[in-house]
Amino acid sequence: MTPRMENKRSVPWESWDGVCQRCGKESAVHIMSMFNVQLICISCSDVEREHPKFEEARKAEHDATKSGDRNFEGIGLPEGLKSGT
């Protein structure tokens, strides 16, 4: 049997409790932030995708993963996407 895999940034998906770690709203669906390791709802993900630094964050994550860094924690949450706002 294969050991249970954690996601690309070593945050277990089991840590999802149905509440967005950014806005605090309940959600049945989640995705990991491209900027940090927060598990966020789709609404927060949509806002994140519109941020001017999103492409930079996406590329940094891609490059880190491609080079073997499976614990990349993102480029950091930019001002304007403050946690909990």
N, C-alpha and C. Protein backbone atom coordinates (compact mmCIF):
# COMPACT_ATOMS: atom_id res chain seq x y z
N MET A 1 0.84 -1.18 0.00
CA MET A 1 0.00 0.00 0.00
C MET A 1 0.89 1.24 0.00
N THR A 2 0.54 2.22 -0.82
CA THR A 2 1.29 3.46 -0.90
C THR A 2 0.94 4.35 0.27
N PRO A 3 1.97 4.99 0.91
CA PRO A 3 1.66 5.90 2.03
C PRO A 3 0.81 7.06 1.53
N ARG A 4 -0.02 7.57 2.40
CA ARG A 4 -0.87 8.71 2.05
C ARG A 4 -0.01 9.91 1.72
N MET A 5 -0.24 10.50 0.54
CA MET A 5 0.53 11.65 0.08
C MET A 5 -0.03 12.93 0.67
N GLU A 6 0.87 13.84 1.01
CA GLU A 6 0.44 15.17 1.38
C GLU A 6 0.55 16.04 0.14
N ASN A 7 -0.07 17.19 0.15
CA ASN A 7 -0.03 18.04 -1.03
C ASN A 7 1.36 18.56 -1.27
N LYS A 8 1.51 19.32 -2.33
CA LYS A 8 2.82 19.77 -2.78
C LYS A 8 3.54 20.66 -1.79
N ARG A 9 2.86 21.20 -0.81
CA ARG A 9 3.50 22.11 0.13
C ARG A 9 3.49 21.55 1.55
N SER A 10 3.33 20.29 1.70
CA SER A 10 3.37 19.59 2.98
C SER A 10 2.36 20.09 4.01
N VAL A 11 1.21 20.50 3.55
CA VAL A 11 0.10 20.81 4.45
C VAL A 11 -0.94 19.73 4.20
N PRO A 12 -1.19 18.91 5.20
CA PRO A 12 -2.12 17.81 4.96
C PRO A 12 -3.51 18.31 4.60
N TRP A 13 -4.09 17.72 3.56
CA TRP A 13 -5.44 18.11 3.15
C TRP A 13 -6.42 17.83 4.27
N GLU A 14 -6.07 16.96 5.17
CA GLU A 14 -6.95 16.66 6.30
C GLU A 14 -7.12 17.86 7.21
N SER A 15 -6.27 18.88 7.06
CA SER A 15 -6.40 20.07 7.90
C SER A 15 -7.56 20.95 7.45
N TRP A 16 -8.19 20.61 6.32
CA TRP A 16 -9.38 21.34 5.87
C TRP A 16 -10.54 20.98 6.78
N ASP A 17 -11.11 22.00 7.41
CA ASP A 17 -12.22 21.77 8.33
C ASP A 17 -13.54 22.34 7.82
N GLY A 18 -13.56 22.71 6.52
CA GLY A 18 -14.78 23.25 5.94
C GLY A 18 -14.90 24.76 6.08
N VAL A 19 -13.86 25.39 6.62
CA VAL A 19 -13.86 26.84 6.80
C VAL A 19 -12.64 27.41 6.09
N CYS A 20 -12.87 28.40 5.23
CA CYS A 20 -11.77 29.04 4.50
C CYS A 20 -10.79 29.65 5.49
N GLN A 21 -9.52 29.36 5.31
CA GLN A 21 -8.49 29.87 6.21
C GLN A 21 -8.15 31.33 5.94
N ARG A 22 -8.75 31.93 4.92
CA ARG A 22 -8.53 33.34 4.65
C ARG A 22 -9.73 34.19 5.07
N CYS A 23 -10.92 33.85 4.60
CA CYS A 23 -12.08 34.71 4.89
C CYS A 23 -12.93 34.20 6.04
N GLY A 24 -12.74 32.93 6.42
CA GLY A 24 -13.47 32.37 7.55
C GLY A 24 -14.86 31.85 7.22
N LYS A 25 -15.25 31.89 5.95
CA LYS A 25 -16.59 31.42 5.57
C LYS A 25 -16.56 29.91 5.37
N GLU A 26 -17.70 29.29 5.64
CA GLU A 26 -17.84 27.85 5.40
C GLU A 26 -17.87 27.58 3.91
N SER A 27 -17.26 26.47 3.51
CA SER A 27 -17.23 26.09 2.11
C SER A 27 -17.07 24.58 2.00
N ALA A 28 -17.74 24.01 1.03
CA ALA A 28 -17.61 22.57 0.80
C ALA A 28 -16.41 22.26 -0.09
N VAL A 29 -15.84 23.29 -0.72
CA VAL A 29 -14.74 23.10 -1.67
C VAL A 29 -13.59 24.03 -1.28
N HIS A 30 -12.36 23.57 -1.55
CA HIS A 30 -11.21 24.40 -1.23
C HIS A 30 -10.08 24.15 -2.22
N ILE A 31 -9.11 25.06 -2.18
CA ILE A 31 -7.90 24.95 -2.98
C ILE A 31 -6.79 25.61 -2.16
N MET A 32 -5.55 25.23 -2.42
CA MET A 32 -4.46 25.88 -1.70
C MET A 32 -4.13 27.20 -2.37
N SER A 33 -3.89 28.20 -1.56
CA SER A 33 -3.48 29.51 -2.07
C SER A 33 -2.20 29.38 -2.88
N MET A 34 -2.06 30.20 -3.89
CA MET A 34 -0.84 30.23 -4.68
C MET A 34 0.22 31.07 -3.97
N PHE A 35 -0.20 31.92 -3.02
CA PHE A 35 0.72 32.82 -2.33
C PHE A 35 1.31 32.23 -1.05
N ASN A 36 0.55 31.38 -0.37
CA ASN A 36 1.03 30.76 0.87
C ASN A 36 0.38 29.40 1.02
N VAL A 37 0.37 28.84 2.20
CA VAL A 37 -0.15 27.49 2.38
C VAL A 37 -1.56 27.46 2.94
N GLN A 38 -2.28 28.57 2.87
CA GLN A 38 -3.67 28.57 3.33
C GLN A 38 -4.55 27.74 2.40
N LEU A 39 -5.50 27.03 3.00
CA LEU A 39 -6.53 26.34 2.24
C LEU A 39 -7.69 27.31 2.16
N ILE A 40 -8.02 27.73 0.94
CA ILE A 40 -8.99 28.81 0.75
C ILE A 40 -10.18 28.36 -0.08
N CYS A 41 -11.28 29.09 0.07
CA CYS A 41 -12.49 28.81 -0.70
C CYS A 41 -12.32 29.31 -2.13
N ILE A 42 -13.22 28.92 -2.98
CA ILE A 42 -13.13 29.29 -4.39
C ILE A 42 -13.30 30.80 -4.56
N SER A 43 -14.13 31.43 -3.75
CA SER A 43 -14.28 32.90 -3.84
C SER A 43 -12.96 33.60 -3.56
N CYS A 44 -12.24 33.17 -2.53
CA CYS A 44 -10.94 33.77 -2.23
C CYS A 44 -9.93 33.44 -3.33
N SER A 45 -10.03 32.25 -3.90
CA SER A 45 -9.15 31.88 -5.01
C SER A 45 -9.40 32.78 -6.22
N ASP A 46 -10.66 33.08 -6.49
CA ASP A 46 -11.00 33.96 -7.61
C ASP A 46 -10.40 35.36 -7.40
N VAL A 47 -10.49 35.88 -6.18
CA VAL A 47 -9.91 37.19 -5.86
C VAL A 47 -8.39 37.13 -6.02
N GLU A 48 -7.81 36.05 -5.53
CA GLU A 48 -6.35 35.86 -5.61
C GLU A 48 -5.87 35.87 -7.06
N ARG A 49 -6.62 35.22 -7.93
CA ARG A 49 -6.23 35.14 -9.35
C ARG A 49 -6.22 36.50 -10.03
N GLU A 50 -6.95 37.45 -9.50
CA GLU A 50 -7.00 38.79 -10.07
C GLU A 50 -5.88 39.69 -9.55
N HIS A 51 -5.15 39.24 -8.54
CA HIS A 51 -4.09 40.06 -7.95
C HIS A 51 -2.93 40.20 -8.93
N PRO A 52 -2.33 41.40 -9.01
CA PRO A 52 -1.22 41.63 -9.95
C PRO A 52 -0.01 40.70 -9.75
N LYS A 53 0.17 40.17 -8.55
CA LYS A 53 1.32 39.28 -8.29
C LYS A 53 0.99 37.79 -8.48
N PHE A 54 -0.22 37.48 -8.92
CA PHE A 54 -0.62 36.08 -9.05
C PHE A 54 0.30 35.31 -10.00
N GLU A 55 0.58 35.89 -11.16
CA GLU A 55 1.42 35.19 -12.14
C GLU A 55 2.82 34.95 -11.58
N GLU A 56 3.35 35.92 -10.83
CA GLU A 56 4.66 35.75 -10.18
C GLU A 56 4.61 34.59 -9.19
N ALA A 57 3.55 34.52 -8.40
CA ALA A 57 3.39 33.43 -7.42
C ALA A 57 3.24 32.08 -8.12
N ARG A 58 2.45 32.04 -9.19
CA ARG A 58 2.25 30.80 -9.93
C ARG A 58 3.55 30.30 -10.52
N LYS A 59 4.32 31.20 -11.11
CA LYS A 59 5.59 30.82 -11.72
C LYS A 59 6.59 30.35 -10.66
N ALA A 60 6.65 31.05 -9.53
CA ALA A 60 7.57 30.66 -8.45
C ALA A 60 7.24 29.26 -7.93
N GLU A 61 5.94 28.98 -7.78
CA GLU A 61 5.53 27.65 -7.31
C GLU A 61 5.88 26.59 -8.35
N HIS A 62 5.63 26.89 -9.61
CA HIS A 62 5.96 25.96 -10.69
C HIS A 62 7.46 25.67 -10.73
N ASP A 63 8.26 26.73 -10.68
CA ASP A 63 9.71 26.57 -10.73
C ASP A 63 10.24 25.78 -9.54
N ALA A 64 9.70 26.06 -8.35
CA ALA A 64 10.13 25.34 -7.15
C ALA A 64 9.79 23.86 -7.25
N THR A 65 8.59 23.56 -7.67
CA THR A 65 8.16 22.17 -7.81
C THR A 65 9.00 21.45 -8.87
N LYS A 66 9.24 22.12 -9.98
CA LYS A 66 10.02 21.53 -11.06
C LYS A 66 11.45 21.22 -10.61
N SER A 67 11.99 22.05 -9.72
CA SER A 67 13.35 21.83 -9.24
C SER A 67 13.40 20.84 -8.06
N GLY A 68 12.24 20.31 -7.68
CA GLY A 68 12.22 19.28 -6.64
C GLY A 68 11.79 19.78 -5.27
N ASP A 69 11.53 21.06 -5.12
CA ASP A 69 11.10 21.61 -3.83
C ASP A 69 9.61 21.36 -3.66
N ARG A 70 9.27 20.31 -2.94
CA ARG A 70 7.86 19.97 -2.72
C ARG A 70 7.35 20.55 -1.41
N ASN A 71 8.13 21.43 -0.79
CA ASN A 71 7.73 22.10 0.45
C ASN A 71 7.70 23.61 0.28
N PHE A 72 7.57 24.07 -0.95
CA PHE A 72 7.54 25.51 -1.23
C PHE A 72 6.34 26.14 -0.53
N GLU A 73 6.58 27.19 0.21
CA GLU A 73 5.50 27.82 0.98
C GLU A 73 4.95 29.07 0.33
N GLY A 74 5.30 29.30 -0.92
CA GLY A 74 4.77 30.45 -1.64
C GLY A 74 5.63 31.68 -1.47
N ILE A 75 5.25 32.74 -2.15
CA ILE A 75 6.02 33.99 -2.10
C ILE A 75 5.55 34.90 -0.98
N GLY A 76 4.53 34.49 -0.27
CA GLY A 76 3.98 35.29 0.82
C GLY A 76 2.71 36.02 0.38
N LEU A 77 1.83 36.20 1.32
CA LEU A 77 0.55 36.84 1.04
C LEU A 77 0.76 38.34 0.88
N PRO A 78 0.46 38.87 -0.31
CA PRO A 78 0.68 40.30 -0.54
C PRO A 78 -0.33 41.18 0.20
N GLU A 79 0.08 42.41 0.43
CA GLU A 79 -0.83 43.41 1.00
C GLU A 79 -2.07 43.46 0.11
N GLY A 80 -3.20 43.61 0.66
CA GLY A 80 -4.43 43.63 -0.12
C GLY A 80 -5.13 42.29 -0.14
N LEU A 81 -4.43 41.25 0.22
CA LEU A 81 -5.05 39.92 0.36
C LEU A 81 -4.87 39.44 1.79
N LYS A 82 -4.88 40.37 2.70
CA LYS A 82 -4.65 40.05 4.12
C LYS A 82 -5.51 38.91 4.58
N SER A 83 -4.92 38.07 5.39
CA SER A 83 -5.64 36.94 5.96
C SER A 83 -6.82 37.43 6.79
N GLY A 84 -7.97 36.83 6.54
CA GLY A 84 -9.15 37.15 7.32
C GLY A 84 -9.92 38.37 6.84
N THR A 85 -9.52 38.95 5.69
CA THR A 85 -10.25 40.12 5.20
C THR A 85 -11.03 39.78 3.96
